[in-house]
Amino acid sequence: MHDADFSNTRQNHYYFFYENARDEAPWKYTLLHPGKTIFISVCPTFSGRIVRGSPHDNLDGTAKHNLGTWIEVAWEAQGNATASNSTAGDVSLLEGCDGGVVMLATDGSGVVTGFSRNILKEAPEAALARKTGGSLVLDKTVGPEANQEAMKWELKMLDPLREAFIVQDIKPVIVTENGRWDLTFYAGIY
């Protein structure tokens, strides 16, 4: 995991790992400084998301921290007779967007998804919502409270076939056969 967010150096850059259906508390989290890279290991059955955040908000014991860019990942269970090292993942903006991230398969295939440009910059006001800490980010594009302006902006700025999961019908999932990802976080809101 690499932090390439040099636009926001006054704030600590925390990243939180949430297992699916366990939104109240992160499974693990880490502090990463701009320009630094770390290796994070997860259990062989991990299925969940990696998000930006802050200890003040993400460690408060509530499930209200979904607004933002999600890196979704799932490893096959190693105890399974058909298990392999194959891991699937995507960059999802369904629950909002708080910055860019690029996800690269490290198995030599060159498969990549995500985006590095700052699509929050110049976004229309109607497309924005506030994270728990009060910062403005692009709103969610799924569910009964989906923000159509956020969806229009993201579709204007990104290719939903290869850069991000923006609409329910198109999910640009990629696979790495060695069970490892190279994740780079770009300018974002924590």
N, C-alpha and C. Protein backbone atom coordinates (compact mmCIF):
# COMPACT_ATOMS: atom_id res chain seq x y z
N MET A 1 0.84 -1.16 0.00
CA MET A 1 0.00 0.00 0.00
C MET A 1 0.90 1.23 0.00
N HIS A 2 0.60 2.18 -0.87
CA HIS A 2 1.43 3.37 -1.05
C HIS A 2 0.56 4.62 -0.90
N ASP A 3 1.06 5.62 -0.19
CA ASP A 3 0.36 6.90 -0.05
C ASP A 3 1.02 7.91 -0.96
N ALA A 4 0.28 8.37 -1.98
CA ALA A 4 0.78 9.37 -2.92
C ALA A 4 -0.02 10.66 -2.79
N ASP A 5 -0.58 10.91 -1.60
CA ASP A 5 -1.37 12.11 -1.36
C ASP A 5 -0.48 13.19 -0.75
N PHE A 6 0.14 13.98 -1.61
CA PHE A 6 1.01 15.07 -1.16
C PHE A 6 0.25 16.39 -1.06
N SER A 7 -1.05 16.36 -1.35
CA SER A 7 -1.86 17.58 -1.31
C SER A 7 -2.37 17.88 0.10
N ASN A 8 -2.31 16.92 0.98
CA ASN A 8 -2.90 17.04 2.30
C ASN A 8 -1.90 16.54 3.35
N THR A 9 -0.84 17.30 3.56
CA THR A 9 0.23 16.85 4.47
C THR A 9 0.06 17.33 5.90
N ARG A 10 -0.91 18.15 6.16
CA ARG A 10 -1.14 18.64 7.53
C ARG A 10 -1.98 17.67 8.36
N GLN A 11 -2.59 16.72 7.71
CA GLN A 11 -3.47 15.77 8.38
C GLN A 11 -2.87 14.37 8.27
N ASN A 12 -3.03 13.57 9.32
CA ASN A 12 -2.57 12.18 9.26
C ASN A 12 -3.43 11.40 8.27
N HIS A 13 -2.80 10.48 7.57
CA HIS A 13 -3.48 9.67 6.56
C HIS A 13 -3.72 8.28 7.15
N TYR A 14 -4.92 8.05 7.63
CA TYR A 14 -5.30 6.74 8.17
C TYR A 14 -6.11 5.97 7.16
N TYR A 15 -5.90 4.66 7.13
CA TYR A 15 -6.63 3.75 6.25
C TYR A 15 -7.20 2.63 7.10
N PHE A 16 -8.48 2.32 6.87
CA PHE A 16 -9.22 1.37 7.68
C PHE A 16 -9.67 0.18 6.84
N PHE A 17 -9.54 -1.01 7.41
CA PHE A 17 -9.94 -2.26 6.76
C PHE A 17 -11.20 -2.77 7.47
N TYR A 18 -12.28 -2.89 6.72
CA TYR A 18 -13.55 -3.37 7.27
C TYR A 18 -13.92 -4.70 6.63
N GLU A 19 -14.26 -5.67 7.44
CA GLU A 19 -14.80 -6.92 6.91
C GLU A 19 -16.25 -6.67 6.51
N ASN A 20 -16.72 -7.39 5.50
CA ASN A 20 -18.11 -7.24 5.06
C ASN A 20 -19.06 -7.49 6.23
N ALA A 21 -20.11 -6.68 6.30
CA ALA A 21 -21.17 -6.78 7.31
C ALA A 21 -20.68 -6.49 8.73
N ARG A 22 -19.52 -5.87 8.88
CA ARG A 22 -19.02 -5.48 10.20
C ARG A 22 -18.62 -4.00 10.14
N ASP A 23 -19.61 -3.15 9.97
CA ASP A 23 -19.38 -1.73 9.75
C ASP A 23 -19.11 -0.93 11.01
N GLU A 24 -19.35 -1.50 12.19
CA GLU A 24 -19.20 -0.74 13.43
C GLU A 24 -17.74 -0.57 13.86
N ALA A 25 -16.90 -1.52 13.50
CA ALA A 25 -15.50 -1.45 13.93
C ALA A 25 -14.60 -1.99 12.82
N PRO A 26 -13.53 -1.28 12.53
CA PRO A 26 -12.59 -1.79 11.53
C PRO A 26 -11.88 -3.05 12.03
N TRP A 27 -11.54 -3.92 11.09
CA TRP A 27 -10.79 -5.13 11.40
C TRP A 27 -9.35 -4.77 11.76
N LYS A 28 -8.81 -3.79 11.04
CA LYS A 28 -7.48 -3.25 11.34
C LYS A 28 -7.38 -1.90 10.68
N TYR A 29 -6.39 -1.12 11.09
CA TYR A 29 -6.15 0.17 10.45
C TYR A 29 -4.68 0.52 10.56
N THR A 30 -4.28 1.49 9.74
CA THR A 30 -2.88 1.88 9.72
C THR A 30 -2.75 3.37 9.40
N LEU A 31 -1.66 3.94 9.87
CA LEU A 31 -1.27 5.31 9.55
C LEU A 31 -0.19 5.21 8.49
N LEU A 32 -0.34 5.98 7.42
CA LEU A 32 0.64 5.95 6.34
C LEU A 32 0.94 7.39 5.94
N HIS A 33 2.20 7.73 5.83
CA HIS A 33 2.60 9.10 5.49
C HIS A 33 2.83 9.23 3.98
N PRO A 34 2.62 10.44 3.42
CA PRO A 34 2.83 10.65 1.99
C PRO A 34 4.23 10.20 1.55
N GLY A 35 4.26 9.49 0.44
CA GLY A 35 5.51 8.99 -0.11
C GLY A 35 5.96 7.67 0.48
N LYS A 36 5.28 7.16 1.47
CA LYS A 36 5.68 5.91 2.13
C LYS A 36 4.87 4.73 1.61
N THR A 37 5.47 3.55 1.72
CA THR A 37 4.84 2.30 1.31
C THR A 37 4.94 1.31 2.46
N ILE A 38 3.88 0.55 2.70
CA ILE A 38 3.91 -0.50 3.72
C ILE A 38 3.26 -1.76 3.15
N PHE A 39 3.57 -2.88 3.77
CA PHE A 39 2.94 -4.14 3.42
C PHE A 39 1.92 -4.45 4.50
N ILE A 40 0.70 -4.72 4.09
CA ILE A 40 -0.38 -5.07 5.02
C ILE A 40 -0.82 -6.49 4.68
N SER A 41 -0.84 -7.36 5.67
CA SER A 41 -1.35 -8.70 5.42
C SER A 41 -2.74 -8.83 6.03
N VAL A 42 -3.55 -9.65 5.39
CA VAL A 42 -4.89 -9.94 5.88
C VAL A 42 -5.05 -11.45 5.94
N CYS A 43 -6.06 -11.90 6.66
CA CYS A 43 -6.29 -13.34 6.76
C CYS A 43 -6.69 -13.89 5.39
N PRO A 44 -6.49 -15.17 5.15
CA PRO A 44 -6.75 -15.74 3.82
C PRO A 44 -8.23 -15.79 3.44
N THR A 45 -9.12 -15.42 4.34
CA THR A 45 -10.54 -15.40 4.03
C THR A 45 -11.11 -13.99 4.05
N PHE A 46 -10.23 -12.97 4.12
CA PHE A 46 -10.71 -11.59 4.22
C PHE A 46 -11.55 -11.22 3.02
N SER A 47 -12.68 -10.59 3.30
CA SER A 47 -13.55 -10.07 2.27
C SER A 47 -14.13 -8.77 2.82
N GLY A 48 -13.80 -7.66 2.18
CA GLY A 48 -14.26 -6.39 2.71
C GLY A 48 -13.74 -5.22 1.93
N ARG A 49 -13.49 -4.12 2.65
CA ARG A 49 -13.09 -2.88 1.98
C ARG A 49 -11.99 -2.17 2.75
N ILE A 50 -11.29 -1.31 2.01
CA ILE A 50 -10.26 -0.45 2.58
C ILE A 50 -10.69 0.98 2.25
N VAL A 51 -10.71 1.83 3.28
CA VAL A 51 -11.18 3.21 3.11
C VAL A 51 -10.27 4.19 3.84
N ARG A 52 -10.33 5.46 3.43
CA ARG A 52 -9.68 6.54 4.17
C ARG A 52 -10.54 6.87 5.38
N GLY A 53 -9.92 7.47 6.40
CA GLY A 53 -10.71 7.89 7.54
C GLY A 53 -9.87 8.53 8.62
N SER A 54 -10.46 8.66 9.80
CA SER A 54 -9.76 9.21 10.95
C SER A 54 -10.13 8.39 12.18
N PRO A 55 -9.19 8.21 13.12
CA PRO A 55 -9.50 7.45 14.33
C PRO A 55 -10.69 8.04 15.10
N HIS A 56 -10.77 9.37 15.12
CA HIS A 56 -11.87 10.02 15.84
C HIS A 56 -13.23 9.55 15.31
N ASP A 57 -13.36 9.45 14.00
CA ASP A 57 -14.63 9.05 13.41
C ASP A 57 -14.76 7.53 13.29
N ASN A 58 -13.78 6.87 12.70
CA ASN A 58 -13.90 5.45 12.38
C ASN A 58 -13.81 4.53 13.59
N LEU A 59 -13.35 5.02 14.72
CA LEU A 59 -13.26 4.17 15.91
C LEU A 59 -14.33 4.52 16.95
N ASP A 60 -15.41 5.16 16.52
CA ASP A 60 -16.45 5.56 17.48
C ASP A 60 -17.51 4.50 17.72
N GLY A 61 -17.37 3.31 17.09
CA GLY A 61 -18.29 2.20 17.35
C GLY A 61 -19.61 2.27 16.62
N THR A 62 -19.73 3.16 15.64
CA THR A 62 -20.97 3.24 14.87
C THR A 62 -20.72 2.81 13.42
N ALA A 63 -21.78 2.56 12.71
CA ALA A 63 -21.68 2.11 11.31
C ALA A 63 -22.00 3.23 10.34
N LYS A 64 -21.63 4.45 10.67
CA LYS A 64 -21.99 5.60 9.83
C LYS A 64 -20.81 6.14 9.02
N HIS A 65 -19.85 5.29 8.69
CA HIS A 65 -18.64 5.76 8.01
C HIS A 65 -18.48 5.16 6.62
N ASN A 66 -19.56 5.03 5.91
CA ASN A 66 -19.51 4.42 4.58
C ASN A 66 -19.21 5.42 3.46
N LEU A 67 -19.41 6.71 3.70
CA LEU A 67 -19.28 7.71 2.64
C LEU A 67 -17.81 7.88 2.23
N GLY A 68 -17.49 7.46 1.02
CA GLY A 68 -16.12 7.61 0.51
C GLY A 68 -15.77 6.52 -0.48
N THR A 69 -14.58 6.62 -1.05
CA THR A 69 -14.07 5.64 -2.00
C THR A 69 -13.77 4.33 -1.28
N TRP A 70 -14.21 3.23 -1.85
CA TRP A 70 -13.94 1.91 -1.29
C TRP A 70 -13.04 1.13 -2.23
N ILE A 71 -12.02 0.49 -1.68
CA ILE A 71 -11.33 -0.57 -2.39
C ILE A 71 -11.95 -1.84 -1.85
N GLU A 72 -12.61 -2.59 -2.71
CA GLU A 72 -13.25 -3.84 -2.29
C GLU A 72 -12.37 -5.00 -2.71
N VAL A 73 -12.12 -5.92 -1.77
CA VAL A 73 -11.27 -7.07 -2.04
C VAL A 73 -11.87 -8.33 -1.42
N ALA A 74 -11.58 -9.47 -2.03
CA ALA A 74 -12.04 -10.75 -1.50
C ALA A 74 -11.04 -11.84 -1.86
N TRP A 75 -10.56 -12.54 -0.84
CA TRP A 75 -9.67 -13.68 -1.03
C TRP A 75 -10.48 -14.96 -0.94
N GLU A 76 -10.09 -15.98 -1.70
CA GLU A 76 -10.74 -17.27 -1.58
C GLU A 76 -10.29 -17.94 -0.30
N ALA A 77 -11.17 -18.70 0.31
CA ALA A 77 -10.84 -19.41 1.54
C ALA A 77 -9.78 -20.46 1.26
N GLN A 78 -8.69 -20.44 2.01
CA GLN A 78 -7.60 -21.37 1.77
C GLN A 78 -7.94 -22.80 2.20
N GLY A 79 -8.93 -22.98 3.07
CA GLY A 79 -9.35 -24.31 3.49
C GLY A 79 -10.25 -24.99 2.47
N ASN A 80 -10.66 -24.27 1.49
CA ASN A 80 -11.53 -24.76 0.44
C ASN A 80 -10.72 -25.64 -0.50
N ALA A 81 -11.28 -26.79 -0.88
CA ALA A 81 -10.56 -27.73 -1.76
C ALA A 81 -10.24 -27.11 -3.11
N THR A 82 -11.02 -26.14 -3.56
CA THR A 82 -10.78 -25.51 -4.86
C THR A 82 -10.08 -24.17 -4.71
N ALA A 83 -9.63 -23.83 -3.51
CA ALA A 83 -9.02 -22.52 -3.26
C ALA A 83 -7.72 -22.35 -4.04
N SER A 84 -7.45 -21.11 -4.37
CA SER A 84 -6.20 -20.75 -5.02
C SER A 84 -5.73 -19.46 -4.36
N ASN A 85 -4.74 -18.84 -4.92
CA ASN A 85 -4.29 -17.54 -4.42
C ASN A 85 -5.04 -16.40 -5.10
N SER A 86 -6.00 -16.73 -5.92
CA SER A 86 -6.75 -15.74 -6.68
C SER A 86 -7.50 -14.79 -5.76
N THR A 87 -7.43 -13.49 -6.08
CA THR A 87 -8.09 -12.46 -5.31
C THR A 87 -8.77 -11.49 -6.27
N ALA A 88 -10.02 -11.17 -5.98
CA ALA A 88 -10.77 -10.23 -6.81
C ALA A 88 -10.88 -8.89 -6.10
N GLY A 89 -10.94 -7.80 -6.89
CA GLY A 89 -11.06 -6.48 -6.28
C GLY A 89 -11.57 -5.44 -7.26
N ASP A 90 -12.01 -4.32 -6.70
CA ASP A 90 -12.45 -3.20 -7.51
C ASP A 90 -12.37 -1.92 -6.70
N VAL A 91 -12.47 -0.79 -7.39
CA VAL A 91 -12.56 0.53 -6.77
C VAL A 91 -14.01 0.96 -6.93
N SER A 92 -14.69 1.15 -5.78
CA SER A 92 -16.12 1.45 -5.81
C SER A 92 -16.40 2.88 -5.35
N LEU A 93 -17.25 3.57 -6.11
CA LEU A 93 -17.73 4.90 -5.76
C LEU A 93 -19.22 4.88 -5.45
N LEU A 94 -19.79 3.69 -5.29
CA LEU A 94 -21.21 3.58 -5.00
C LEU A 94 -21.57 4.28 -3.70
N GLU A 95 -20.70 4.21 -2.71
CA GLU A 95 -20.95 4.83 -1.41
C GLU A 95 -20.26 6.18 -1.28
N GLY A 96 -19.90 6.79 -2.41
CA GLY A 96 -19.28 8.10 -2.40
C GLY A 96 -17.86 8.07 -2.94
N CYS A 97 -17.24 9.24 -2.95
CA CYS A 97 -15.86 9.35 -3.42
C CYS A 97 -15.15 10.41 -2.60
N ASP A 98 -14.09 9.99 -1.91
CA ASP A 98 -13.28 10.94 -1.14
C ASP A 98 -11.86 11.04 -1.67
N GLY A 99 -11.64 10.55 -2.89
CA GLY A 99 -10.33 10.66 -3.52
C GLY A 99 -10.02 9.48 -4.41
N GLY A 100 -8.94 9.62 -5.16
CA GLY A 100 -8.55 8.59 -6.11
C GLY A 100 -7.68 7.51 -5.51
N VAL A 101 -7.76 6.34 -6.10
CA VAL A 101 -6.92 5.21 -5.73
C VAL A 101 -6.75 4.33 -6.96
N VAL A 102 -5.56 3.75 -7.09
CA VAL A 102 -5.28 2.83 -8.19
C VAL A 102 -4.94 1.47 -7.59
N MET A 103 -5.52 0.45 -8.16
CA MET A 103 -5.38 -0.93 -7.71
C MET A 103 -4.74 -1.72 -8.86
N LEU A 104 -3.56 -2.28 -8.60
CA LEU A 104 -2.80 -2.99 -9.62
C LEU A 104 -2.56 -4.43 -9.19
N ALA A 105 -2.84 -5.38 -10.07
CA ALA A 105 -2.53 -6.78 -9.82
C ALA A 105 -1.02 -6.95 -9.87
N THR A 106 -0.46 -7.69 -8.92
CA THR A 106 1.01 -7.87 -8.88
C THR A 106 1.44 -9.23 -9.42
N ASP A 107 0.57 -9.88 -10.16
CA ASP A 107 0.89 -11.20 -10.70
C ASP A 107 1.55 -11.15 -12.07
N GLY A 108 1.91 -9.96 -12.53
CA GLY A 108 2.55 -9.80 -13.83
C GLY A 108 1.58 -9.61 -14.98
N SER A 109 0.29 -9.66 -14.70
CA SER A 109 -0.72 -9.52 -15.77
C SER A 109 -0.88 -8.07 -16.23
N GLY A 110 -0.50 -7.11 -15.38
CA GLY A 110 -0.66 -5.70 -15.72
C GLY A 110 -2.09 -5.19 -15.58
N VAL A 111 -2.96 -5.99 -15.00
CA VAL A 111 -4.36 -5.59 -14.83
C VAL A 111 -4.44 -4.50 -13.77
N VAL A 112 -5.20 -3.44 -14.09
CA VAL A 112 -5.29 -2.29 -13.20
C VAL A 112 -6.70 -1.70 -13.26
N THR A 113 -7.13 -1.11 -12.15
CA THR A 113 -8.37 -0.35 -12.11
C THR A 113 -8.16 0.83 -11.18
N GLY A 114 -9.06 1.79 -11.24
CA GLY A 114 -8.95 2.96 -10.38
C GLY A 114 -8.57 4.19 -11.16
N PHE A 115 -8.28 5.26 -10.42
CA PHE A 115 -7.95 6.55 -11.03
C PHE A 115 -7.09 7.35 -10.07
N SER A 116 -6.27 8.23 -10.63
CA SER A 116 -5.37 9.03 -9.80
C SER A 116 -5.74 10.51 -9.76
N ARG A 117 -6.55 10.97 -10.70
CA ARG A 117 -6.85 12.40 -10.73
C ARG A 117 -7.88 12.78 -9.65
N ASN A 118 -7.85 14.04 -9.27
CA ASN A 118 -8.72 14.55 -8.22
C ASN A 118 -10.06 14.96 -8.83
N ILE A 119 -11.04 14.07 -8.80
CA ILE A 119 -12.34 14.39 -9.39
C ILE A 119 -13.22 15.18 -8.42
N LEU A 120 -12.76 15.38 -7.19
CA LEU A 120 -13.51 16.22 -6.24
C LEU A 120 -13.39 17.69 -6.61
N LYS A 121 -12.24 18.03 -7.17
CA LYS A 121 -11.98 19.41 -7.56
C LYS A 121 -12.97 19.81 -8.64
N GLU A 122 -13.62 20.93 -8.44
CA GLU A 122 -14.58 21.49 -9.38
C GLU A 122 -15.87 20.69 -9.51
N ALA A 123 -16.13 19.74 -8.60
CA ALA A 123 -17.39 18.99 -8.64
C ALA A 123 -18.54 19.94 -8.31
N PRO A 124 -19.68 19.75 -8.94
CA PRO A 124 -20.82 20.62 -8.64
C PRO A 124 -21.29 20.46 -7.19
N GLU A 125 -21.73 21.55 -6.61
CA GLU A 125 -22.16 21.54 -5.20
C GLU A 125 -23.27 20.52 -4.95
N ALA A 126 -24.16 20.34 -5.91
CA ALA A 126 -25.27 19.40 -5.75
C ALA A 126 -24.81 17.95 -5.69
N ALA A 127 -23.57 17.67 -6.08
CA ALA A 127 -23.03 16.31 -6.07
C ALA A 127 -22.35 15.97 -4.75
N LEU A 128 -22.24 16.92 -3.84
CA LEU A 128 -21.45 16.74 -2.62
C LEU A 128 -22.29 16.38 -1.40
N ALA A 129 -21.62 15.74 -0.44
CA ALA A 129 -22.22 15.40 0.86
C ALA A 129 -21.10 15.50 1.89
N ARG A 130 -21.46 15.52 3.16
CA ARG A 130 -20.47 15.63 4.24
C ARG A 130 -20.17 14.28 4.88
N LYS A 131 -18.87 14.00 5.02
CA LYS A 131 -18.44 12.84 5.79
C LYS A 131 -18.76 13.10 7.27
N THR A 132 -18.64 12.10 8.09
CA THR A 132 -18.92 12.22 9.51
C THR A 132 -18.15 13.37 10.15
N GLY A 133 -16.90 13.57 9.74
CA GLY A 133 -16.07 14.64 10.29
C GLY A 133 -16.38 16.02 9.73
N GLY A 134 -17.29 16.11 8.76
CA GLY A 134 -17.70 17.40 8.21
C GLY A 134 -17.12 17.75 6.86
N SER A 135 -16.14 17.01 6.37
CA SER A 135 -15.52 17.31 5.08
C SER A 135 -16.44 16.96 3.92
N LEU A 136 -16.39 17.78 2.87
CA LEU A 136 -17.21 17.55 1.68
C LEU A 136 -16.54 16.55 0.74
N VAL A 137 -17.33 15.57 0.28
CA VAL A 137 -16.89 14.57 -0.68
C VAL A 137 -18.03 14.34 -1.67
N LEU A 138 -17.79 13.57 -2.71
CA LEU A 138 -18.87 13.21 -3.63
C LEU A 138 -19.82 12.24 -2.93
N ASP A 139 -21.10 12.45 -3.12
CA ASP A 139 -22.14 11.67 -2.45
C ASP A 139 -22.27 10.28 -3.05
N LYS A 140 -23.03 9.43 -2.39
CA LYS A 140 -23.25 8.05 -2.84
C LYS A 140 -24.14 8.02 -4.09
N THR A 141 -24.00 6.96 -4.88
CA THR A 141 -24.74 6.83 -6.13
C THR A 141 -25.63 5.60 -6.14
N VAL A 142 -25.88 5.02 -4.97
CA VAL A 142 -26.66 3.79 -4.88
C VAL A 142 -27.69 3.92 -3.75
N GLY A 143 -28.77 3.16 -3.86
CA GLY A 143 -29.77 3.13 -2.80
C GLY A 143 -30.83 4.20 -2.96
N PRO A 144 -31.76 4.24 -1.99
CA PRO A 144 -32.87 5.18 -2.08
C PRO A 144 -32.43 6.65 -1.99
N GLU A 145 -31.28 6.91 -1.41
CA GLU A 145 -30.79 8.28 -1.29
C GLU A 145 -29.67 8.59 -2.29
N ALA A 146 -29.64 7.85 -3.38
CA ALA A 146 -28.61 8.05 -4.39
C ALA A 146 -28.65 9.47 -4.93
N ASN A 147 -27.48 10.05 -5.10
CA ASN A 147 -27.36 11.41 -5.60
C ASN A 147 -27.08 11.35 -7.11
N GLN A 148 -28.07 11.71 -7.90
CA GLN A 148 -27.94 11.64 -9.35
C GLN A 148 -26.89 12.60 -9.89
N GLU A 149 -26.72 13.75 -9.23
CA GLU A 149 -25.70 14.71 -9.66
C GLU A 149 -24.30 14.14 -9.46
N ALA A 150 -24.10 13.43 -8.36
CA ALA A 150 -22.80 12.78 -8.11
C ALA A 150 -22.53 11.73 -9.18
N MET A 151 -23.55 10.95 -9.50
CA MET A 151 -23.39 9.92 -10.53
C MET A 151 -23.06 10.55 -11.88
N LYS A 152 -23.77 11.61 -12.26
CA LYS A 152 -23.51 12.28 -13.54
C LYS A 152 -22.08 12.81 -13.59
N TRP A 153 -21.62 13.41 -12.49
CA TRP A 153 -20.26 13.96 -12.45
C TRP A 153 -19.22 12.85 -12.59
N GLU A 154 -19.39 11.78 -11.83
CA GLU A 154 -18.42 10.68 -11.88
C GLU A 154 -18.39 10.04 -13.26
N LEU A 155 -19.56 9.86 -13.88
CA LEU A 155 -19.61 9.29 -15.23
C LEU A 155 -18.99 10.22 -16.26
N LYS A 156 -19.05 11.51 -16.01
CA LYS A 156 -18.40 12.48 -16.90
C LYS A 156 -16.87 12.42 -16.75
N MET A 157 -16.40 12.19 -15.53
CA MET A 157 -14.97 12.24 -15.24
C MET A 157 -14.24 10.90 -15.40
N LEU A 158 -14.97 9.78 -15.28
CA LEU A 158 -14.33 8.46 -15.24
C LEU A 158 -14.98 7.48 -16.22
N ASP A 159 -14.24 6.46 -16.57
CA ASP A 159 -14.74 5.38 -17.41
C ASP A 159 -15.23 4.25 -16.50
N PRO A 160 -16.56 4.01 -16.44
CA PRO A 160 -17.08 2.99 -15.53
C PRO A 160 -16.73 1.56 -15.96
N LEU A 161 -16.23 1.38 -17.15
CA LEU A 161 -15.85 0.04 -17.60
C LEU A 161 -14.47 -0.37 -17.09
N ARG A 162 -13.64 0.62 -16.69
CA ARG A 162 -12.30 0.23 -16.25
C ARG A 162 -11.76 1.01 -15.06
N GLU A 163 -12.38 2.14 -14.68
CA GLU A 163 -11.80 2.94 -13.61
C GLU A 163 -12.50 2.82 -12.27
N ALA A 164 -13.81 2.69 -12.25
CA ALA A 164 -14.50 2.65 -10.96
C ALA A 164 -15.92 2.12 -11.11
N PHE A 165 -16.39 1.51 -10.04
CA PHE A 165 -17.74 1.00 -9.90
C PHE A 165 -18.62 2.18 -9.51
N ILE A 166 -19.39 2.71 -10.48
CA ILE A 166 -20.19 3.92 -10.27
C ILE A 166 -21.69 3.60 -10.32
N VAL A 167 -22.07 2.72 -11.22
CA VAL A 167 -23.47 2.33 -11.37
C VAL A 167 -23.60 0.82 -11.15
N GLN A 168 -24.73 0.40 -10.63
CA GLN A 168 -24.95 -1.00 -10.25
C GLN A 168 -24.67 -1.99 -11.37
N ASP A 169 -24.98 -1.65 -12.60
CA ASP A 169 -24.91 -2.60 -13.71
C ASP A 169 -23.50 -2.86 -14.24
N ILE A 170 -22.55 -1.99 -13.93
CA ILE A 170 -21.21 -2.11 -14.48
C ILE A 170 -20.21 -2.17 -13.32
N LYS A 171 -19.56 -3.31 -13.15
CA LYS A 171 -18.61 -3.48 -12.05
C LYS A 171 -17.27 -3.94 -12.61
N PRO A 172 -16.30 -3.02 -12.71
CA PRO A 172 -15.00 -3.37 -13.28
C PRO A 172 -14.09 -4.12 -12.28
N VAL A 173 -14.43 -5.38 -12.02
CA VAL A 173 -13.65 -6.20 -11.10
C VAL A 173 -12.42 -6.73 -11.82
N ILE A 174 -11.29 -6.72 -11.11
CA ILE A 174 -10.07 -7.30 -11.65
C ILE A 174 -9.60 -8.41 -10.70
N VAL A 175 -8.69 -9.25 -11.18
CA VAL A 175 -8.21 -10.39 -10.41
C VAL A 175 -6.69 -10.39 -10.43
N THR A 176 -6.10 -10.76 -9.30
CA THR A 176 -4.67 -11.04 -9.25
C THR A 176 -4.52 -12.50 -8.83
N GLU A 177 -3.74 -13.24 -9.54
CA GLU A 177 -3.60 -14.68 -9.29
C GLU A 177 -2.66 -15.01 -8.14
N ASN A 178 -1.88 -14.04 -7.67
CA ASN A 178 -0.94 -14.33 -6.59
C ASN A 178 -1.42 -13.84 -5.22
N GLY A 179 -2.65 -13.33 -5.15
CA GLY A 179 -3.23 -12.91 -3.89
C GLY A 179 -2.68 -11.61 -3.33
N ARG A 180 -2.01 -10.81 -4.15
CA ARG A 180 -1.43 -9.55 -3.69
C ARG A 180 -1.80 -8.40 -4.62
N TRP A 181 -1.99 -7.24 -3.99
CA TRP A 181 -2.34 -6.02 -4.72
C TRP A 181 -1.30 -4.94 -4.43
N ASP A 182 -1.13 -4.06 -5.37
CA ASP A 182 -0.38 -2.82 -5.18
C ASP A 182 -1.43 -1.72 -5.19
N LEU A 183 -1.65 -1.10 -4.03
CA LEU A 183 -2.68 -0.06 -3.88
C LEU A 183 -2.01 1.28 -3.68
N THR A 184 -2.37 2.27 -4.47
CA THR A 184 -1.83 3.61 -4.33
C THR A 184 -2.97 4.59 -4.12
N PHE A 185 -2.93 5.29 -2.98
CA PHE A 185 -3.93 6.31 -2.65
C PHE A 185 -3.41 7.68 -3.06
N TYR A 186 -4.26 8.42 -3.78
CA TYR A 186 -3.92 9.76 -4.24
C TYR A 186 -4.70 10.79 -3.42
N ALA A 187 -4.65 12.07 -3.83
CA ALA A 187 -5.28 13.16 -3.09
C ALA A 187 -6.67 12.77 -2.61
N GLY A 188 -6.89 12.98 -1.30
CA GLY A 188 -8.17 12.56 -0.75
C GLY A 188 -8.55 13.30 0.52
N ILE A 189 -9.75 13.04 0.98
CA ILE A 189 -10.31 13.63 2.19
C ILE A 189 -10.41 12.53 3.24
N TYR A 190 -9.80 12.77 4.39
CA TYR A 190 -9.78 11.75 5.44
C TYR A 190 -10.82 12.08 6.47
